[in-house]
Amino acid sequence: MFVSQRRFILKTCGTTTPLQCLEPLLLLVTKYAGFDAVEDVYYSRKNYKRPELQQSPHCNFEQEVAVLDSFFKDGAAYCLGSVNRDCWYLYTLHPLRGPRRGTTEPDQTLEIMMTDLDPEIMSIFTREECSSAAEATLRSGIDKLLPDMIIDDYLFEPCGYSMNGISKTEEGPKLASGCYMTIHITPEPEFSYVSFESNVPLESYKEVIMRVVKTFRPGKFVLAVFANKTSVAAKAPRELEKEASFGDWLRHDVHYCRFKSYDLTYALYSKFPS
């Protein structure tokens, strides 16, 4: 969870039910922060591997959209990618009229969702291999993905890992102050999964993406990049739309979308031979 002056970011995994926090969250924001209007909403997830294990209202995307629509009048739902393979769901606000929202403050987000990961790498994120989260962070190379991060990591029992990071430099050459990075890892070979997300502002994300996939060595990964017009990453979605491969990972699907406030590129890559 990340909280800033005008934004709340909640990243969950497993069978958690994040949409159930919407009503109390909106009440608390009004009561303690004085905000009475929502500027924008982004709810997104990859398709579930075992959707039958999810709890309401997360049994399917239609159910999730119904909950979101009950709170927001101008929401729009999207599915990017093939619905019978790997795909990515997104719900965001899309007002039919009125001023353009959310374009004044520079904003960008990189998401990488990886599956079919290298078992040797995944073994690091077990209590059998590492005695602490700090050891797993160092052995895997997570600390080198985005240097200058203050890392809060956790190694679960008997396996599993998560970390949150915040940039520690005020005006450093590498990261702007207040950038975040978050990683969640399910290492079991039957359903291995790693998610990476960051809002670090970069003109190009190709180097970071390559660093991440080389660290975890997935069989395939889904990529999503958002940026608004005032961000230094404004051209990154278009750049990645043209990126047919990342080393041994070849692109199988790509979508470019232009929303009122943001541009987005979604892409699916898998390791050759697939």
Protein backbone atom coordinates (compact mmCIF):
# COMPACT_ATOMS: atom_id res chain seq x y z
CA MET A 1 0.00 0.00 0.00
CA PHE A 2 1.29 3.44 -0.97
CA VAL A 3 -0.29 6.71 0.18
CA SER A 4 0.66 10.11 -1.21
CA GLN A 5 -0.93 13.56 -1.04
CA ARG A 6 -3.65 12.84 -3.62
CA ARG A 7 -3.35 9.14 -4.34
CA PHE A 8 -3.94 5.76 -2.74
CA ILE A 9 -2.39 2.61 -4.31
CA LEU A 10 -3.37 -0.85 -3.10
CA LYS A 11 -1.68 -3.94 -4.56
CA THR A 12 -2.96 -7.34 -3.46
CA CYS A 13 -2.59 -10.99 -4.44
CA GLY A 14 -4.13 -14.39 -3.83
CA THR A 15 -7.78 -14.46 -2.78
CA THR A 16 -7.93 -11.02 -1.20
CA THR A 17 -10.99 -8.86 -1.95
CA PRO A 18 -9.72 -5.30 -2.53
CA LEU A 19 -12.98 -3.94 -3.93
CA GLN A 20 -14.63 -4.50 -0.56
CA CYS A 21 -12.51 -1.67 0.85
CA LEU A 22 -13.92 0.94 -1.54
CA GLU A 23 -16.81 2.17 0.59
CA PRO A 24 -14.88 2.55 3.87
CA LEU A 25 -11.90 4.01 1.98
CA LEU A 26 -14.00 6.75 0.35
CA LEU A 27 -15.58 7.58 3.70
CA LEU A 28 -12.20 7.83 5.41
CA VAL A 29 -10.75 10.00 2.64
CA THR A 30 -13.63 12.44 2.98
CA LYS A 31 -13.51 12.47 6.79
CA TYR A 32 -9.76 12.81 7.34
CA ALA A 33 -8.40 14.34 4.11
CA GLY A 34 -11.32 16.53 3.12
CA PHE A 35 -11.52 15.19 -0.45
CA ASP A 36 -15.07 14.92 -1.78
CA ALA A 37 -14.49 13.88 -5.42
CA VAL A 38 -12.57 11.09 -7.14
CA GLU A 39 -10.40 12.37 -9.98
CA ASP A 40 -9.51 9.01 -11.49
CA VAL A 41 -9.62 5.28 -10.82
CA TYR A 42 -7.48 2.44 -12.15
CA TYR A 43 -8.43 -1.11 -11.28
CA SER A 44 -6.51 -3.73 -13.24
CA ARG A 45 -5.50 -7.37 -13.08
CA LYS A 46 -4.32 -10.25 -15.22
CA ASN A 47 -6.73 -13.11 -15.92
CA TYR A 48 -6.91 -15.60 -13.04
CA LYS A 49 -5.25 -19.00 -13.30
CA ARG A 50 -7.85 -20.49 -10.91
CA PRO A 51 -10.87 -18.15 -11.01
CA GLU A 52 -13.05 -20.67 -9.16
CA LEU A 53 -10.96 -20.08 -6.02
CA GLN A 54 -11.70 -16.35 -5.89
CA GLN A 55 -14.22 -14.84 -3.49
CA SER A 56 -17.04 -12.46 -4.35
CA PRO A 57 -16.94 -9.86 -5.83
CA HIS A 58 -13.86 -11.17 -7.67
CA CYS A 59 -15.29 -14.33 -9.25
CA ASN A 60 -15.24 -12.69 -12.70
CA PHE A 61 -14.56 -9.29 -14.25
CA GLU A 62 -18.24 -8.60 -14.93
CA GLN A 63 -18.92 -8.87 -11.20
CA GLU A 64 -16.01 -6.55 -10.42
CA VAL A 65 -17.25 -4.00 -12.96
CA ALA A 66 -20.72 -4.05 -11.40
CA VAL A 67 -19.23 -3.16 -8.01
CA LEU A 68 -17.11 -0.36 -9.48
CA ASP A 69 -20.06 1.02 -11.46
CA SER A 70 -22.04 1.27 -8.23
CA PHE A 71 -19.47 3.80 -6.97
CA PHE A 72 -18.46 5.62 -10.17
CA LYS A 73 -20.89 6.98 -12.78
CA ASP A 74 -18.42 7.41 -15.64
CA GLY A 75 -16.41 4.18 -15.50
CA ALA A 76 -15.30 2.16 -18.52
CA ALA A 77 -14.16 -1.47 -18.60
CA TYR A 78 -11.66 -3.01 -21.02
CA CYS A 79 -10.09 -6.39 -21.78
CA LEU A 80 -6.76 -6.30 -23.60
CA GLY A 81 -5.45 -9.51 -25.13
CA SER A 82 -7.07 -12.80 -26.08
CA VAL A 83 -9.93 -13.76 -23.75
CA ASN A 84 -9.14 -17.48 -24.12
CA ARG A 85 -5.43 -17.09 -23.33
CA ASP A 86 -3.48 -14.42 -21.45
CA CYS A 87 -5.29 -11.12 -21.08
CA TRP A 88 -5.41 -8.05 -18.86
CA TYR A 89 -8.49 -6.34 -17.47
CA LEU A 90 -8.76 -2.61 -16.81
CA TYR A 91 -11.42 -0.37 -15.32
CA THR A 92 -10.91 3.39 -15.39
CA LEU A 93 -12.92 6.60 -15.45
CA HIS A 94 -13.94 7.89 -18.84
CA PRO A 95 -16.13 11.00 -18.50
CA LEU A 96 -18.21 11.77 -21.58
CA ARG A 97 -17.94 15.51 -21.04
CA GLY A 98 -16.17 18.02 -18.85
CA PRO A 99 -12.51 19.02 -18.50
CA ARG A 100 -9.71 16.60 -19.10
CA ARG A 101 -8.61 15.04 -15.81
CA GLY A 102 -5.31 14.09 -14.33
CA THR A 103 -2.99 15.65 -16.92
CA THR A 104 -1.39 18.44 -14.85
CA GLU A 105 0.75 16.29 -12.58
CA PRO A 106 3.22 14.02 -14.45
CA ASP A 107 2.34 10.39 -13.96
CA GLN A 108 3.45 7.02 -15.30
CA THR A 109 3.30 3.34 -14.32
CA LEU A 110 5.12 0.23 -15.50
CA GLU A 111 3.63 -3.20 -14.74
CA ILE A 112 5.22 -6.57 -15.58
CA MET A 113 3.26 -9.74 -14.77
CA MET A 114 5.36 -12.90 -15.18
CA THR A 115 4.38 -16.59 -15.24
CA ASP A 116 6.10 -19.98 -15.81
CA LEU A 117 9.22 -18.80 -14.02
CA ASP A 118 12.63 -20.43 -13.70
CA PRO A 119 12.40 -22.96 -10.81
CA GLU A 120 15.99 -22.28 -9.77
CA ILE A 121 15.25 -18.58 -9.34
CA MET A 122 11.94 -19.29 -7.61
CA SER A 123 13.63 -21.57 -5.06
CA ILE A 124 15.32 -18.47 -3.61
CA PHE A 125 11.94 -17.34 -2.30
CA THR A 126 11.50 -20.30 0.05
CA ARG A 127 12.48 -20.74 3.69
CA GLU A 128 14.43 -23.82 2.64
CA GLU A 129 16.84 -21.68 0.59
CA CYS A 130 16.85 -18.36 2.45
CA SER A 131 16.54 -17.64 6.15
CA SER A 132 15.34 -14.06 5.71
CA ALA A 133 13.71 -11.70 3.26
CA ALA A 134 16.90 -9.62 3.11
CA GLU A 135 18.86 -12.68 1.97
CA ALA A 136 16.30 -13.42 -0.76
CA THR A 137 16.39 -9.79 -1.91
CA LEU A 138 20.18 -9.84 -2.27
CA ARG A 139 20.53 -13.34 -3.77
CA SER A 140 17.88 -12.70 -6.41
CA GLY A 141 19.21 -9.28 -7.39
CA ILE A 142 15.97 -7.47 -6.57
CA ASP A 143 18.01 -4.75 -4.83
CA LYS A 144 19.65 -3.95 -8.19
CA LEU A 145 16.47 -3.61 -10.26
CA LEU A 146 16.00 0.03 -9.27
CA PRO A 147 18.91 1.21 -7.10
CA ASP A 148 18.44 3.85 -4.39
CA MET A 149 15.26 2.26 -3.00
CA ILE A 150 14.47 1.88 0.69
CA ILE A 151 13.20 -1.71 0.73
CA ASP A 152 10.67 -3.27 3.09
CA ASP A 153 10.62 -7.00 2.25
CA TYR A 154 8.95 -10.11 3.65
CA LEU A 155 9.63 -13.83 3.16
CA PHE A 156 6.60 -15.99 3.92
CA GLU A 157 6.52 -19.43 5.55
CA PRO A 158 7.15 -21.86 3.88
CA CYS A 159 7.48 -19.83 0.67
CA GLY A 160 6.45 -16.61 -1.01
CA TYR A 161 7.88 -13.10 -1.03
CA SER A 162 6.77 -9.49 -1.26
CA MET A 163 8.53 -6.16 -1.12
CA ASN A 164 7.72 -2.47 -1.25
CA GLY A 165 10.33 0.13 -2.06
CA ILE A 166 10.43 3.94 -1.95
CA SER A 167 13.20 6.02 -3.53
CA LYS A 168 15.47 7.57 -0.94
CA THR A 169 17.23 10.24 -3.00
CA GLU A 170 15.96 13.80 -2.82
CA GLU A 171 17.48 15.04 -6.05
CA GLY A 172 19.64 12.08 -6.97
CA PRO A 173 20.69 11.28 -10.52
CA LYS A 174 18.96 7.89 -10.57
CA LEU A 175 15.48 8.22 -9.11
CA ALA A 176 13.20 11.11 -8.28
CA SER A 177 12.07 11.36 -4.69
CA GLY A 178 8.88 9.46 -3.85
CA CYS A 179 9.01 6.82 -6.58
CA TYR A 180 7.82 3.37 -5.58
CA MET A 181 8.51 -0.22 -6.58
CA THR A 182 6.53 -3.27 -5.48
CA ILE A 183 7.05 -6.99 -6.16
CA HIS A 184 4.91 -10.01 -5.22
CA ILE A 185 6.16 -13.57 -5.77
CA THR A 186 4.40 -16.94 -5.70
CA PRO A 187 7.26 -19.43 -6.29
CA GLU A 188 5.45 -22.81 -6.43
CA PRO A 189 6.33 -24.44 -9.79
CA GLU A 190 2.71 -25.43 -10.54
CA PHE A 191 1.57 -21.80 -10.59
CA SER A 192 4.66 -19.59 -10.29
CA TYR A 193 3.94 -15.89 -10.63
CA VAL A 194 5.84 -12.62 -10.16
CA SER A 195 4.41 -9.12 -10.44
CA PHE A 196 6.54 -5.99 -10.70
CA GLU A 197 5.22 -2.44 -10.62
CA SER A 198 6.85 0.98 -10.43
CA ASN A 199 6.11 4.62 -11.19
CA VAL A 200 9.75 5.60 -11.76
CA PRO A 201 9.77 8.35 -14.44
CA LEU A 202 11.99 7.33 -17.37
CA GLU A 203 12.01 8.33 -21.03
CA SER A 204 12.40 4.65 -21.93
CA TYR A 205 11.56 1.52 -19.93
CA LYS A 206 13.38 -0.95 -22.15
CA GLU A 207 16.41 -1.25 -19.86
CA VAL A 208 14.31 -1.75 -16.72
CA ILE A 209 12.09 -4.34 -18.43
CA MET A 210 15.13 -6.26 -19.63
CA ARG A 211 16.65 -6.13 -16.14
CA VAL A 212 13.45 -7.50 -14.58
CA VAL A 213 12.91 -10.39 -17.00
CA LYS A 214 16.58 -11.39 -16.81
CA THR A 215 16.32 -11.45 -13.02
CA PHE A 216 13.26 -13.73 -12.87
CA ARG A 217 13.49 -15.54 -16.26
CA PRO A 218 9.77 -16.05 -16.93
CA GLY A 219 8.38 -18.31 -19.62
CA LYS A 220 6.05 -15.47 -20.56
CA PHE A 221 5.07 -12.05 -19.30
CA VAL A 222 2.41 -9.40 -19.74
CA LEU A 223 3.53 -5.79 -19.95
CA ALA A 224 1.45 -2.66 -19.33
CA VAL A 225 2.80 0.89 -19.52
CA PHE A 226 0.79 4.03 -18.70
CA ALA A 227 1.94 7.63 -19.14
CA ASN A 228 0.25 11.01 -19.38
CA LYS A 229 1.30 13.89 -21.60
CA THR A 230 3.27 15.79 -18.97
CA SER A 231 5.37 12.76 -17.98
CA VAL A 232 8.95 12.28 -19.16
CA ALA A 233 7.66 8.82 -20.14
CA ALA A 234 5.01 10.27 -22.46
CA LYS A 235 6.52 8.56 -25.50
CA ALA A 236 7.17 5.24 -23.74
CA PRO A 237 3.83 3.58 -24.65
CA ARG A 238 4.39 4.24 -28.35
CA GLU A 239 8.02 3.11 -28.08
CA LEU A 240 7.03 -0.20 -26.49
CA GLU A 241 4.28 -0.73 -29.04
CA LYS A 242 7.10 -1.14 -31.59
CA GLU A 243 9.22 -3.46 -29.41
CA ALA A 244 8.83 -6.91 -31.03
CA SER A 245 11.19 -8.66 -28.60
CA PHE A 246 13.18 -8.38 -25.38
CA GLY A 247 16.16 -10.67 -25.84
CA ASP A 248 14.81 -14.24 -25.98
CA TRP A 249 11.24 -13.11 -25.32
CA LEU A 250 9.16 -12.58 -28.47
CA ARG A 251 5.96 -10.56 -28.65
CA HIS A 252 2.70 -12.38 -29.40
CA ASP A 253 0.14 -9.65 -28.79
CA VAL A 254 0.10 -5.87 -28.49
CA HIS A 255 -2.54 -3.15 -28.00
CA TYR A 256 -2.13 0.61 -27.86
CA CYS A 257 -4.91 2.65 -26.23
CA ARG A 258 -5.38 6.38 -25.87
CA PHE A 259 -7.54 7.48 -22.96
CA LYS A 260 -8.53 11.04 -22.05
CA SER A 261 -5.65 11.43 -19.62
CA TYR A 262 -3.22 8.62 -20.40
CA ASP A 263 -1.73 6.54 -23.18
CA LEU A 264 -1.35 2.81 -22.57
CA THR A 265 0.44 -0.07 -24.24
CA TYR A 266 -0.33 -3.70 -23.38
CA ALA A 267 1.84 -6.52 -24.74
CA LEU A 268 2.32 -10.26 -24.23
CA TYR A 269 5.77 -11.85 -24.64
CA SER A 270 6.93 -15.45 -24.35
CA LYS A 271 10.35 -17.04 -24.39
CA PHE A 272 11.53 -18.62 -27.65
CA PRO A 273 10.86 -21.40 -28.41
CA SER A 274 7.33 -21.17 -27.04
